[in-house]
């Protein structure tokens, strides 16, 4: 510690340990936050991947279902056009006759009113009943011409068979004679692409997607989105050979993940900067307090004994350390001063101690000389008085804090004897102790103040029957001590005051003794009994004016475990 304090000032500008601690905290913070940000980015990328796969599978399933549905609908419509011989005949007549002759044939043809033989009527009815149909093309076997109809040109027209190319969005439906089951040719039903767009949009939500429908003839029937990357495409084939491919563009997952990761990393960096600035400010404030504390201690160690640590700029534990250090320095300064004063007065204290040892012996020897002189002069009563006084004096000077009940009562007897000498014909006393209680330990000077109060305040010198008695009795489960006199007694107010004080079990000491010597003596006895016996002890006092005072002290036997 001395070396540190010695080298503190030369090294104060060097890197402080708190700086290293700040760097350590900062690196730990950066690693934790960066790891957390990367983890969130990875989870986000993985979730987008799973979402893309899930959406692709949904769109694939829905698109396959739509293709199957519209193929079945197209097959039904194509078969309706050749459902009977009359309609088949009408188709053949359309190809074999000129247009005027075809109309004339329709007029001549006698058919059921429920069966239309006109290809124009049948095709028009097909458009009216089916909104998804955008075109119809009929290709008969061995025919050199093809019938082509569009929704915006329902009557249709003939085109050479060698120049005919079916619409990309059409289903090729082979048809046959329902009677002979012989193949008639192929009917192409063109379906609007809107039905697939709507189905896909309702399924994909906001996620971009690429969809391709390929016919069994390796032609693209429908396409949505990019075609370039097919590595991650999902493939399904319908029961009629149509292939459906679905994929979410890689850019969606990649760009979305990069954007999200960028935002997460940016927020993490901002959080790191804010947290670092906060930590730096906190550490700087803490460091300044530590530096001030160490410098102050260094100054004190260099001899500035009166200097103290400034408490106005200290917080929390540093404030506690500063307060404790200042208090320690104050006490150390006081102790040094006290030690100095003790050293100055040591010789005088030694002399007083020697005198305190000599004076009691001198007094005892002098009293013993006077007693022997009284005996030689046949003054036996004076000799007894001197002996009792000498014994009383020895008891008062001794350092013992407790005594036996027998010794305490004997002390009260000697005190009463010396007081009675002045009035031998008007005062009497009597003391009785149960033999079992003679060696009972009690605090010293606990019964004497009660006796002293009687001789100081209770004796009525106009009477000749003044008496005080002490009885110590062994009762069942407790000891009973009675101090009774027939003196002046107390007023009701004085008695109430003393009873209130004797009811207390906690004590606050004051130095105001004016006019209260009697009550102070009783309270002192009460306090010492409480401290010695605790809850086992109890005291009560009874008194009336001119009828004496009665103290009853009870001490419960100790419980035996």
Protein backbone atom coordinates (compact mmCIF):
# COMPACT_ATOMS: atom_id res chain seq x y z
CA UNK A 1 0.00 0.00 0.00
CA UNK A 2 2.84 2.36 0.85
CA UNK A 3 4.53 1.61 -2.48
CA UNK A 4 1.29 2.26 -4.35
CA UNK A 5 0.77 5.57 -2.58
CA UNK A 6 4.39 6.49 -3.22
CA UNK A 7 4.13 5.81 -6.95
CA UNK A 8 0.61 7.14 -7.37
CA UNK A 9 1.40 10.68 -8.47
CA UNK A 10 4.11 9.73 -11.04
CA UNK A 11 1.79 7.13 -12.53
CA UNK A 12 -1.50 8.98 -12.27
CA UNK A 13 -1.54 9.84 -15.97
CA UNK A 14 -0.95 6.27 -17.00
CA UNK A 15 -3.79 4.05 -18.12
CA UNK A 16 -6.24 3.63 -15.26
CA UNK A 17 -7.52 0.17 -14.45
CA UNK A 18 -11.09 1.26 -15.00
CA UNK A 19 -10.22 1.93 -18.65
CA UNK A 20 -9.26 -1.69 -19.07
CA UNK A 21 -12.44 -2.71 -17.36
CA UNK A 22 -14.42 -0.49 -19.73
CA UNK A 23 -12.73 -2.05 -22.76
CA UNK A 24 -13.44 -5.52 -21.44
CA UNK A 25 -17.10 -4.70 -20.85
CA UNK A 26 -17.30 -3.10 -24.30
CA UNK A 27 -15.84 -6.10 -26.10
CA UNK A 28 -18.09 -8.48 -24.20
CA UNK A 29 -21.05 -6.26 -25.03
CA UNK A 30 -20.11 -6.10 -28.73
CA UNK A 31 -19.64 -9.86 -28.97
CA UNK A 32 -22.94 -10.58 -27.24
CA UNK A 33 -24.96 -8.05 -29.25
CA UNK A 34 -23.31 -9.03 -32.55
CA UNK A 35 -23.92 -12.71 -31.89
CA UNK A 36 -27.51 -11.96 -31.03
CA UNK A 37 -27.93 -9.89 -34.20
CA UNK A 38 -26.43 -12.66 -36.36
CA UNK A 39 -28.66 -15.21 -34.71
CA UNK A 40 -31.73 -13.07 -35.42
CA UNK A 41 -30.60 -12.61 -39.02
CA UNK A 42 -30.15 -16.33 -39.48
CA UNK A 43 -33.55 -17.06 -37.95
CA UNK A 44 -35.12 -14.45 -40.24
CA UNK A 45 -33.43 -15.97 -43.31
CA UNK A 46 -34.49 -19.47 -42.30
CA UNK A 47 -38.07 -18.32 -41.71
CA UNK A 48 -38.18 -16.66 -45.16
CA UNK A 49 -36.83 -19.86 -46.71
CA UNK A 50 -39.48 -21.95 -44.99
CA UNK A 51 -42.18 -19.43 -45.86
CA UNK A 52 -41.14 -19.46 -49.52
CA UNK A 53 -41.16 -23.26 -49.61
CA UNK A 54 -44.54 -23.38 -47.91
CA UNK A 55 -46.07 -20.83 -50.28
CA UNK A 56 -44.58 -22.62 -53.30
CA UNK A 57 -46.14 -25.90 -52.19
CA UNK A 58 -49.52 -24.22 -51.68
CA UNK A 59 -49.44 -22.52 -55.06
CA UNK A 60 -48.38 -25.77 -56.73
CA UNK A 61 -51.24 -27.69 -55.18
CA UNK A 62 -53.77 -24.98 -56.06
CA UNK A 63 -52.53 -24.61 -59.65
CA UNK A 64 -52.62 -28.36 -60.27
CA UNK A 65 -56.15 -28.41 -58.92
CA UNK A 66 -57.13 -25.54 -61.26
CA UNK A 67 -55.56 -27.24 -64.29
CA UNK A 68 -57.38 -30.47 -63.50
CA UNK A 69 -60.63 -28.64 -63.03
CA UNK A 70 -60.50 -26.63 -66.26
CA UNK A 71 -59.33 -29.66 -68.22
CA UNK A 72 -62.38 -31.54 -67.02
CA UNK A 73 -64.60 -28.59 -67.86
CA UNK A 74 -63.03 -28.28 -71.30
CA UNK A 75 -63.48 -32.03 -71.91
CA UNK A 76 -67.12 -31.74 -70.93
CA UNK A 77 -67.69 -28.79 -73.28
CA UNK A 78 -65.88 -30.52 -76.16
CA UNK A 79 -67.90 -33.68 -75.66
CA UNK A 80 -71.12 -31.65 -75.56
CA UNK A 81 -70.37 -30.39 -79.07
CA UNK A 82 -70.43 -34.02 -80.34
CA UNK A 83 -72.83 -35.54 -77.87
CA UNK A 84 -75.20 -36.87 -80.56
CA UNK A 85 -75.34 -37.70 -84.24
CA UNK A 86 -77.25 -34.55 -85.13
CA UNK A 87 -74.49 -32.29 -83.78
CA UNK A 88 -71.80 -34.44 -85.37
CA UNK A 89 -73.61 -34.22 -88.70
CA UNK A 90 -73.91 -30.46 -88.28
CA UNK A 91 -70.10 -30.20 -87.82
CA UNK A 92 -69.38 -32.34 -90.86
CA UNK A 93 -71.90 -30.39 -92.99
CA UNK A 94 -70.17 -27.15 -91.93
CA UNK A 95 -66.90 -28.41 -93.41
CA UNK A 96 -68.40 -30.03 -96.52
CA UNK A 97 -70.87 -27.34 -97.62
CA UNK A 98 -70.51 -23.75 -98.58
CA UNK A 99 -71.82 -21.19 -96.19
CA UNK A 100 -75.10 -20.52 -98.09
CA UNK A 101 -75.62 -24.22 -98.62
CA UNK A 102 -74.95 -24.81 -94.88
CA UNK A 103 -77.62 -22.31 -93.90
CA UNK A 104 -80.03 -23.87 -96.42
CA UNK A 105 -79.24 -27.30 -95.03
CA UNK A 106 -80.06 -26.11 -91.53
CA UNK A 107 -83.46 -24.94 -92.75
CA UNK A 108 -84.13 -28.20 -94.51
CA UNK A 109 -82.90 -30.36 -91.65
CA UNK A 110 -85.74 -31.52 -89.55
CA UNK A 111 -84.43 -32.05 -86.03
CA UNK A 112 -85.80 -31.95 -82.52
CA UNK A 113 -86.42 -28.47 -81.15
CA UNK A 114 -84.24 -29.47 -78.21
CA UNK A 115 -81.29 -30.43 -80.36
CA UNK A 116 -79.39 -27.77 -82.25
CA UNK A 117 -77.50 -28.93 -85.30
CA UNK A 118 -76.05 -25.48 -86.02
CA UNK A 119 -72.38 -25.18 -85.13
CA UNK A 120 -72.92 -21.42 -84.74
CA UNK A 121 -75.63 -21.84 -82.14
CA UNK A 122 -73.75 -24.50 -80.20
CA UNK A 123 -70.56 -22.48 -80.07
CA UNK A 124 -72.38 -19.31 -79.07
CA UNK A 125 -74.18 -21.15 -76.30
CA UNK A 126 -70.80 -22.43 -75.09
CA UNK A 127 -69.48 -18.85 -74.76
CA UNK A 128 -72.62 -17.65 -73.02
CA UNK A 129 -72.58 -20.40 -70.42
CA UNK A 130 -68.81 -20.45 -69.73
CA UNK A 131 -67.01 -17.16 -69.04
CA UNK A 132 -63.59 -18.79 -68.83
CA UNK A 133 -63.67 -19.92 -72.52
CA UNK A 134 -61.87 -17.54 -74.86
CA UNK A 135 -61.79 -19.64 -78.01
CA UNK A 136 -62.75 -22.93 -79.70
CA UNK A 137 -60.99 -24.78 -82.50
CA UNK A 138 -62.31 -27.99 -84.16
CA UNK A 139 -59.92 -30.24 -86.02
CA UNK A 140 -61.56 -33.26 -87.72
CA UNK A 141 -59.59 -36.22 -88.89
CA UNK A 142 -58.57 -36.13 -92.55
CA UNK A 143 -60.02 -32.62 -92.87
CA UNK A 144 -58.07 -30.02 -94.81
CA UNK A 145 -59.65 -27.20 -92.88
CA UNK A 146 -59.97 -26.18 -89.23
CA UNK A 147 -62.81 -24.30 -87.62
CA UNK A 148 -61.56 -21.44 -85.42
CA UNK A 149 -63.78 -19.33 -83.14
CA UNK A 150 -62.91 -16.46 -80.74
CA UNK A 151 -65.06 -14.86 -78.06
CA UNK A 152 -64.94 -11.64 -80.02
CA UNK A 153 -65.75 -13.56 -83.27
CA UNK A 154 -68.15 -16.24 -82.18
CA UNK A 155 -69.36 -17.29 -85.67
CA UNK A 156 -65.87 -18.42 -86.44
CA UNK A 157 -64.08 -19.11 -89.66
CA UNK A 158 -62.19 -21.78 -91.55
CA UNK A 159 -58.42 -21.90 -91.87
CA UNK A 160 -56.24 -24.37 -93.78
CA UNK A 161 -55.19 -27.30 -91.60
CA UNK A 162 -51.50 -26.98 -92.52
CA UNK A 163 -51.38 -23.39 -91.25
CA UNK A 164 -53.31 -23.94 -88.03
CA UNK A 165 -51.52 -23.43 -84.69
CA UNK A 166 -53.50 -23.94 -81.47
CA UNK A 167 -53.61 -21.21 -78.85
CA UNK A 168 -51.03 -21.66 -76.10
CA UNK A 169 -53.71 -21.46 -73.39
CA UNK A 170 -55.94 -24.17 -74.89
CA UNK A 171 -56.65 -27.72 -73.85
CA UNK A 172 -56.51 -30.36 -76.64
CA UNK A 173 -59.52 -32.61 -76.13
CA UNK A 174 -59.77 -35.75 -78.32
CA UNK A 175 -63.40 -36.46 -79.22
CA UNK A 176 -65.07 -39.61 -80.53
CA UNK A 177 -68.44 -40.77 -81.81
CA UNK A 178 -70.56 -41.61 -78.77
CA UNK A 179 -72.22 -44.45 -80.73
CA UNK A 180 -69.39 -46.10 -82.61
CA UNK A 181 -66.63 -44.79 -80.32
CA UNK A 182 -64.60 -43.96 -83.39
CA UNK A 183 -62.29 -40.95 -83.07
CA UNK A 184 -63.62 -37.81 -84.70
CA UNK A 185 -60.68 -35.48 -84.14
CA UNK A 186 -59.51 -32.91 -81.61
CA UNK A 187 -61.35 -29.91 -80.15
CA UNK A 188 -59.20 -27.14 -78.63
CA UNK A 189 -60.83 -25.20 -75.78
CA UNK A 190 -58.92 -22.00 -74.99
CA UNK A 191 -59.10 -20.92 -71.35
CA UNK A 192 -58.48 -17.37 -70.15
CA UNK A 193 -55.26 -16.96 -68.17
CA UNK A 194 -57.13 -14.89 -65.57
CA UNK A 195 -58.44 -18.03 -63.88
CA UNK A 196 -54.86 -19.09 -63.12
CA UNK A 197 -53.73 -15.57 -62.13
CA UNK A 198 -56.58 -15.25 -59.64
CA UNK A 199 -55.99 -18.69 -58.14
CA UNK A 200 -52.25 -17.99 -57.76
CA UNK A 201 -52.73 -14.47 -56.34
CA UNK A 202 -55.23 -15.73 -53.77
CA UNK A 203 -52.73 -18.36 -52.64
CA UNK A 204 -49.34 -16.60 -52.66
CA UNK A 205 -50.37 -13.43 -50.88
CA UNK A 206 -47.65 -10.78 -51.28
CA UNK A 207 -44.80 -13.19 -52.02
CA UNK A 208 -43.46 -13.09 -55.61
CA UNK A 209 -43.72 -16.42 -57.37
CA UNK A 210 -42.99 -18.03 -60.72
CA UNK A 211 -45.43 -20.56 -62.24
CA UNK A 212 -45.24 -22.49 -65.51
CA UNK A 213 -47.90 -24.83 -66.96
CA UNK A 214 -46.62 -27.08 -69.73
CA UNK A 215 -48.85 -29.17 -71.97
CA UNK A 216 -48.17 -32.82 -72.78
CA UNK A 217 -46.91 -31.53 -76.18
CA UNK A 218 -44.02 -29.65 -74.46
CA UNK A 219 -45.56 -26.25 -75.08
CA UNK A 220 -45.96 -23.56 -72.43
CA UNK A 221 -49.63 -23.17 -71.73
CA UNK A 222 -49.20 -20.55 -69.00
CA UNK A 223 -46.33 -18.68 -67.40
CA UNK A 224 -45.93 -16.21 -64.56
CA UNK A 225 -42.67 -14.70 -63.31
CA UNK A 226 -39.06 -15.45 -64.18
CA UNK A 227 -37.93 -18.50 -66.11
CA UNK A 228 -34.18 -18.31 -65.72
CA UNK A 229 -33.52 -20.18 -62.46
CA UNK A 230 -35.25 -23.53 -62.25
CA UNK A 231 -33.02 -25.20 -59.64
CA UNK A 232 -35.43 -24.66 -56.79
CA UNK A 233 -38.65 -25.24 -58.69
CA UNK A 234 -41.30 -27.65 -57.43
CA UNK A 235 -42.81 -29.95 -60.08
CA UNK A 236 -46.14 -31.76 -60.30
CA UNK A 237 -47.84 -33.59 -63.17
CA UNK A 238 -51.58 -33.79 -63.59
CA UNK A 239 -53.42 -36.97 -64.48
CA UNK A 240 -53.63 -35.79 -68.12
CA UNK A 241 -49.92 -35.08 -68.54
CA UNK A 242 -49.84 -31.36 -67.81
CA UNK A 243 -46.74 -30.26 -65.88
CA UNK A 244 -46.93 -27.52 -63.26
CA UNK A 245 -43.72 -25.89 -61.99
CA UNK A 246 -43.67 -23.41 -59.09
CA UNK A 247 -40.82 -21.52 -57.42
CA UNK A 248 -40.17 -18.42 -55.32
CA UNK A 249 -37.34 -16.34 -56.85
CA UNK A 250 -34.07 -16.59 -54.96
CA UNK A 251 -33.84 -12.82 -54.95
CA UNK A 252 -36.88 -12.63 -52.70
CA UNK A 253 -35.25 -14.67 -49.92
CA UNK A 254 -31.78 -13.24 -50.46
CA UNK A 255 -32.72 -9.56 -50.81
CA UNK A 256 -35.27 -9.77 -48.00
CA UNK A 257 -32.78 -11.46 -45.69
CA UNK A 258 -30.06 -8.93 -46.57
CA UNK A 259 -32.43 -6.00 -45.96
CA UNK A 260 -33.63 -7.41 -42.63
CA UNK A 261 -30.09 -8.27 -41.57
CA UNK A 262 -28.94 -4.79 -42.50
CA UNK A 263 -31.65 -3.21 -40.35
CA UNK A 264 -30.88 -5.57 -37.44
CA UNK A 265 -27.14 -4.91 -37.66
CA UNK A 266 -27.70 -1.16 -37.93
CA UNK A 267 -29.93 -1.15 -34.86
CA UNK A 268 -27.40 -3.34 -33.04
CA UNK A 269 -24.59 -0.94 -33.93
CA UNK A 270 -26.68 2.01 -32.74
CA UNK A 271 -27.46 0.19 -29.52
CA UNK A 272 -23.77 -0.61 -29.03
CA UNK A 273 -22.81 3.05 -29.54
CA UNK A 274 -25.46 4.28 -27.10
CA UNK A 275 -24.56 1.64 -24.51
CA UNK A 276 -20.84 2.34 -24.88
CA UNK A 277 -21.38 6.07 -24.46
CA UNK A 278 -23.49 5.43 -21.35
CA UNK A 279 -20.89 3.06 -19.91
CA UNK A 280 -18.07 5.47 -20.68
CA UNK A 281 -19.90 8.33 -18.98
CA UNK A 282 -20.65 6.17 -15.94
CA UNK A 283 -17.10 4.84 -15.74
CA UNK A 284 -15.63 8.33 -16.15
CA UNK A 285 -17.76 9.64 -13.31
CA UNK A 286 -16.84 6.64 -11.16
CA UNK A 287 -13.16 7.02 -12.05
CA UNK A 288 -13.15 10.69 -11.13
CA UNK A 289 -14.56 9.81 -7.71
CA UNK A 290 -11.97 7.06 -7.20
CA UNK A 291 -9.11 9.36 -8.26
CA UNK A 292 -10.28 12.08 -5.87
CA UNK A 293 -10.53 9.53 -3.04
CA UNK A 294 -7.06 8.07 -3.69
CA UNK A 295 -5.44 11.51 -4.05
CA UNK A 296 -6.98 12.70 -0.79
CA UNK A 297 -5.73 9.62 1.04
CA UNK A 298 -2.28 10.20 -0.53
CA UNK A 299 -2.25 13.81 0.70
CA UNK A 300 -3.19 12.71 4.20
CA UNK A 301 -0.46 10.08 4.15
CA UNK A 302 2.01 12.84 3.16
CA UNK A 303 1.24 14.83 6.28
CA UNK A 304 -1.95 16.82 5.64
CA UNK A 305 -3.63 15.44 8.75
CA UNK A 306 -6.55 17.85 8.71
CA UNK A 307 -7.61 17.11 5.12
CA UNK A 308 -10.76 15.05 4.52
CA UNK A 309 -12.43 13.39 1.53
CA UNK A 310 -15.03 15.56 -0.23
CA UNK A 311 -18.44 13.88 0.18
CA UNK A 312 -20.44 16.14 -2.15
CA UNK A 313 -19.36 14.31 -5.33
CA UNK A 314 -19.48 10.72 -4.05
CA UNK A 315 -22.23 8.23 -4.74
CA UNK A 316 -23.34 4.89 -3.31
CA UNK A 317 -20.49 2.63 -2.14
CA UNK A 318 -17.82 5.31 -2.69
CA UNK A 319 -19.85 7.65 -0.48
CA UNK A 320 -19.95 4.97 2.21
CA UNK A 321 -16.18 4.40 1.88
CA UNK A 322 -15.54 8.15 2.04
CA UNK A 323 -17.77 8.65 5.09
CA UNK A 324 -16.21 5.66 6.85
CA UNK A 325 -12.68 6.84 6.02
CA UNK A 326 -13.40 10.38 7.27
CA UNK A 327 -14.91 9.00 10.45
CA UNK A 328 -11.91 6.72 10.94
CA UNK A 329 -9.53 9.65 10.44
CA UNK A 330 -11.49 11.77 12.95
CA UNK A 331 -11.40 8.98 15.54
CA UNK A 332 -7.72 8.38 14.83
CA UNK A 333 -6.99 12.07 15.38
CA UNK A 334 -8.94 12.04 18.64
CA UNK A 335 -7.15 8.90 19.78
CA UNK A 336 -3.77 10.43 19.04
CA UNK A 337 -4.73 13.50 21.08
CA UNK A 338 -6.01 11.36 23.94
CA UNK A 339 -2.85 9.29 23.94
CA UNK A 340 -0.79 12.45 24.07
CA UNK A 341 -2.81 13.75 26.99
CA UNK A 342 -2.50 10.43 28.77
CA UNK A 343 1.23 10.48 28.35
CA UNK A 344 1.39 13.95 29.86
CA UNK A 345 -0.68 12.98 32.89
CA UNK A 346 0.78 9.50 33.43
CA UNK A 347 3.04 10.47 36.33
CA UNK A 348 0.26 12.35 38.08
CA UNK A 349 -2.10 9.38 37.60
CA UNK A 350 0.49 7.03 39.06
CA UNK A 351 0.85 9.28 42.12
CA UNK A 352 -2.90 9.39 42.66
CA UNK A 353 -3.11 5.62 42.35
CA UNK A 354 -0.38 5.25 45.00
CA UNK A 355 -2.18 7.68 47.26
CA UNK A 356 -5.47 5.76 46.77
CA UNK A 357 -3.70 2.65 48.02
CA UNK A 358 -2.16 4.34 51.04
CA UNK A 359 -5.11 6.44 52.32
CA UNK A 360 -7.55 3.54 53.12
CA UNK A 361 -4.89 1.71 55.09
CA UNK A 362 -4.09 4.89 56.97
CA UNK A 363 -7.80 5.35 57.80
CA UNK A 364 -8.31 1.75 58.92
CA UNK A 365 -5.18 1.92 61.12
CA UNK A 366 -6.30 5.18 62.66
CA UNK A 367 -9.81 3.85 63.40
CA UNK A 368 -8.35 0.70 64.90
CA UNK A 369 -6.05 2.82 67.13
CA UNK A 370 -9.06 4.85 68.33
CA UNK A 371 -11.05 1.68 69.00
CA UNK A 372 -8.22 0.14 71.06
CA UNK A 373 -7.80 3.43 72.95
CA UNK A 374 -11.55 3.37 73.76
CA UNK A 375 -11.30 -0.22 75.02
CA UNK A 376 -8.33 0.69 77.24
CA UNK A 377 -10.34 3.59 78.58
CA UNK A 378 -13.32 1.29 79.32
CA UNK A 379 -15.39 3.06 76.65
CA UNK A 380 -16.81 -0.16 75.21
CA UNK A 381 -19.79 1.48 73.50
CA UNK A 382 -17.53 3.93 71.72
CA UNK A 383 -15.28 1.03 70.71
CA UNK A 384 -18.29 -0.80 69.21
CA UNK A 385 -19.33 2.31 67.31
CA UNK A 386 -15.83 2.70 65.87
CA UNK A 387 -15.70 -0.98 64.91
CA UNK A 388 -19.07 -0.88 63.16
CA UNK A 389 -18.12 2.28 61.32
CA UNK A 390 -14.81 0.75 60.22
CA UNK A 391 -16.63 -2.34 58.93
CA UNK A 392 -19.17 -0.16 57.13
CA UNK A 393 -16.39 1.84 55.55
CA UNK A 394 -14.57 -1.29 54.34
CA UNK A 395 -17.77 -2.54 52.72
CA UNK A 396 -18.38 0.76 50.93
CA UNK A 397 -14.84 0.94 49.53
CA UNK A 398 -14.67 -2.62 48.20
CA UNK A 399 -15.03 -3.15 44.42
CA UNK A 400 -17.50 -6.04 44.65
CA UNK A 401 -20.70 -5.59 42.60
CA UNK A 402 -22.67 -8.38 44.22
CA UNK A 403 -22.89 -9.93 47.66
CA UNK A 404 -24.86 -12.47 49.66
CA UNK A 405 -28.21 -11.69 51.17
CA UNK A 406 -26.72 -12.30 54.62
CA UNK A 407 -23.93 -9.76 54.04
CA UNK A 408 -26.34 -7.18 52.62
CA UNK A 409 -28.64 -7.50 55.65
CA UNK A 410 -25.63 -7.34 57.99
CA UNK A 411 -24.55 -4.15 56.25
CA UNK A 412 -28.06 -2.72 56.79
CA UNK A 413 -27.82 -3.72 60.48
CA UNK A 414 -24.52 -1.88 60.95
CA UNK A 415 -25.92 1.19 59.19
CA UNK A 416 -29.06 1.06 61.42
CA UNK A 417 -26.92 0.63 64.54
CA UNK A 418 -24.88 3.75 63.76
CA UNK A 419 -28.07 5.73 63.07
CA UNK A 420 -29.74 4.43 66.25
CA UNK A 421 -26.79 5.49 68.44
CA UNK A 422 -27.95 9.08 68.09
CA UNK A 423 -31.47 8.15 69.27
CA UNK A 424 -31.11 4.99 71.34
CA UNK A 425 -34.48 5.34 73.08
CA UNK A 426 -36.73 6.22 70.10
CA UNK A 427 -35.59 3.92 67.24
CA UNK A 428 -35.51 0.14 66.98
CA UNK A 429 -34.73 -2.31 64.16
CA UNK A 430 -35.05 -6.03 63.48
CA UNK A 431 -33.77 -8.26 60.68
CA UNK A 432 -34.68 -11.89 59.95
CA UNK A 433 -33.37 -14.19 57.20
CA UNK A 434 -34.45 -17.69 56.33
CA UNK A 435 -31.35 -19.87 56.83
CA UNK A 436 -31.82 -21.23 53.29
CA UNK A 437 -31.36 -17.74 51.86
CA UNK A 438 -28.17 -16.63 53.62
CA UNK A 439 -25.95 -17.44 50.63
CA UNK A 440 -28.33 -16.11 47.99
CA UNK A 441 -26.49 -13.73 45.63
CA UNK A 442 -27.99 -10.26 45.10
CA UNK A 443 -26.62 -6.94 43.80
CA UNK A 444 -24.68 -4.97 46.38
CA UNK A 445 -26.32 -1.89 47.96
CA UNK A 446 -29.88 -2.88 47.02
CA UNK A 447 -31.48 -3.03 50.48
CA UNK A 448 -29.36 -0.32 52.12
CA UNK A 449 -30.98 2.60 50.12
CA UNK A 450 -34.40 1.54 51.40
CA UNK A 451 -33.09 1.58 54.98
CA UNK A 452 -31.32 4.88 54.34
CA UNK A 453 -34.56 6.43 53.03
CA UNK A 454 -36.26 5.53 56.29
CA UNK A 455 -33.60 7.12 58.52
CA UNK A 456 -33.36 10.17 56.22
CA UNK A 457 -37.07 10.84 55.64
CA UNK A 458 -39.24 8.43 57.60
CA UNK A 459 -38.21 8.76 61.26
CA UNK A 460 -40.62 10.81 63.39
CA UNK A 461 -38.48 12.13 66.25
CA UNK A 462 -41.57 13.11 68.19
CA UNK A 463 -42.27 9.43 68.73
CA UNK A 464 -40.45 6.80 70.73
CA UNK A 465 -41.70 3.74 68.84
CA UNK A 466 -39.95 4.21 65.49
CA UNK A 467 -39.04 0.81 64.02
CA UNK A 468 -37.84 -0.71 60.74
CA UNK A 469 -37.61 -4.42 59.87
CA UNK A 470 -36.25 -6.60 57.05
CA UNK A 471 -37.52 -10.13 56.49
CA UNK A 472 -36.24 -12.53 53.85
CA UNK A 473 -38.56 -15.55 53.50
CA UNK A 474 -38.43 -18.63 51.26
CA UNK A 475 -41.86 -19.20 49.75
CA UNK A 476 -43.00 -21.91 47.34
CA UNK A 477 -41.45 -21.05 43.98
CA UNK A 478 -40.09 -17.62 44.95
CA UNK A 479 -38.18 -15.55 47.53
CA UNK A 480 -39.94 -12.75 49.36
CA UNK A 481 -38.08 -9.79 50.89
CA UNK A 482 -40.11 -7.37 53.04
CA UNK A 483 -38.80 -3.96 54.15
CA UNK A 484 -41.34 -2.40 56.52
CA UNK A 485 -41.30 0.70 58.71
CA UNK A 486 -43.85 2.69 60.71
CA UNK A 487 -42.49 6.12 59.81
CA UNK A 488 -44.01 9.20 58.24
CA UNK A 489 -45.07 7.42 55.04
CA UNK A 490 -45.76 9.09 51.72
CA UNK A 491 -48.44 11.26 50.22
CA UNK A 492 -50.71 9.76 47.59
CA UNK A 493 -49.05 11.86 44.88
CA UNK A 494 -45.57 10.78 45.91
CA UNK A 495 -46.64 7.13 46.12
CA UNK A 496 -48.20 7.25 42.62
CA UNK A 497 -45.02 8.78 41.20
CA UNK A 498 -42.83 6.06 42.71
CA UNK A 499 -45.21 3.27 41.62
CA UNK A 500 -45.08 4.60 38.03
CA UNK A 501 -41.28 4.51 38.05
CA UNK A 502 -41.20 1.02 39.57
CA UNK A 503 -43.51 -0.24 36.79
CA UNK A 504 -40.87 0.56 34.14
CA UNK A 505 -38.50 -2.06 32.77
CA UNK A 506 -36.38 0.26 30.57
CA UNK A 507 -34.46 3.23 31.95
CA UNK A 508 -33.22 6.60 30.71
CA UNK A 509 -30.66 8.23 33.02
CA UNK A 510 -30.56 11.95 33.80
CA UNK A 511 -28.44 14.05 36.12
CA UNK A 512 -31.28 16.01 37.73
CA UNK A 513 -31.19 15.05 41.40
CA UNK A 514 -32.75 18.19 42.84
CA UNK A 515 -35.27 17.36 45.59
CA UNK A 516 -35.60 13.72 44.50
CA UNK A 517 -33.03 11.88 46.58
CA UNK A 518 -35.54 9.44 48.06
CA UNK A 519 -37.17 8.40 44.74
CA UNK A 520 -33.78 8.21 43.02
CA UNK A 521 -32.59 5.70 45.64
CA UNK A 522 -35.65 3.49 45.17
CA UNK A 523 -35.45 3.67 41.35
CA UNK A 524 -31.74 2.78 41.51
CA UNK A 525 -32.57 -0.30 43.59
CA UNK A 526 -35.31 -1.23 41.09
CA UNK A 527 -33.02 -0.81 38.07
CA UNK A 528 -30.23 -2.92 39.55
CA UNK A 529 -32.62 -5.72 40.50
CA UNK A 530 -34.08 -5.68 36.95
CA UNK A 531 -30.62 -5.86 35.37
CA UNK A 532 -29.57 -8.69 37.70
CA UNK A 533 -32.70 -10.89 37.85
CA UNK A 534 -34.64 -9.78 34.74
CA UNK A 535 -38.28 -10.86 34.52
CA UNK A 536 -37.88 -13.03 37.64
CA UNK A 537 -37.91 -9.89 39.80
CA UNK A 538 -40.85 -7.72 40.86
CA UNK A 539 -41.38 -4.98 43.47
CA UNK A 540 -44.39 -3.28 45.00
CA UNK A 541 -44.70 -0.41 47.50
CA UNK A 542 -47.55 0.49 49.84
CA UNK A 543 -47.74 3.61 52.01
CA UNK A 544 -50.03 6.12 53.69
CA UNK A 545 -49.12 9.31 55.46
CA UNK A 546 -48.06 8.68 59.11
CA UNK A 547 -48.51 4.93 58.63
CA UNK A 548 -45.10 3.95 57.29
CA UNK A 549 -43.90 2.29 54.07
CA UNK A 550 -43.96 -1.37 53.02
CA UNK A 551 -41.70 -2.67 50.23
CA UNK A 552 -42.33 -6.16 48.91
CA UNK A 553 -39.66 -7.66 46.68
CA UNK A 554 -40.25 -11.06 45.03
CA UNK A 555 -37.72 -13.09 43.06
CA UNK A 556 -38.95 -16.16 41.20
CA UNK A 557 -36.88 -19.35 41.42
CA UNK A 558 -34.80 -20.18 38.37
CA UNK A 559 -36.43 -22.72 36.06
CA UNK A 560 -34.55 -26.00 35.89
CA UNK A 561 -34.33 -27.59 32.52
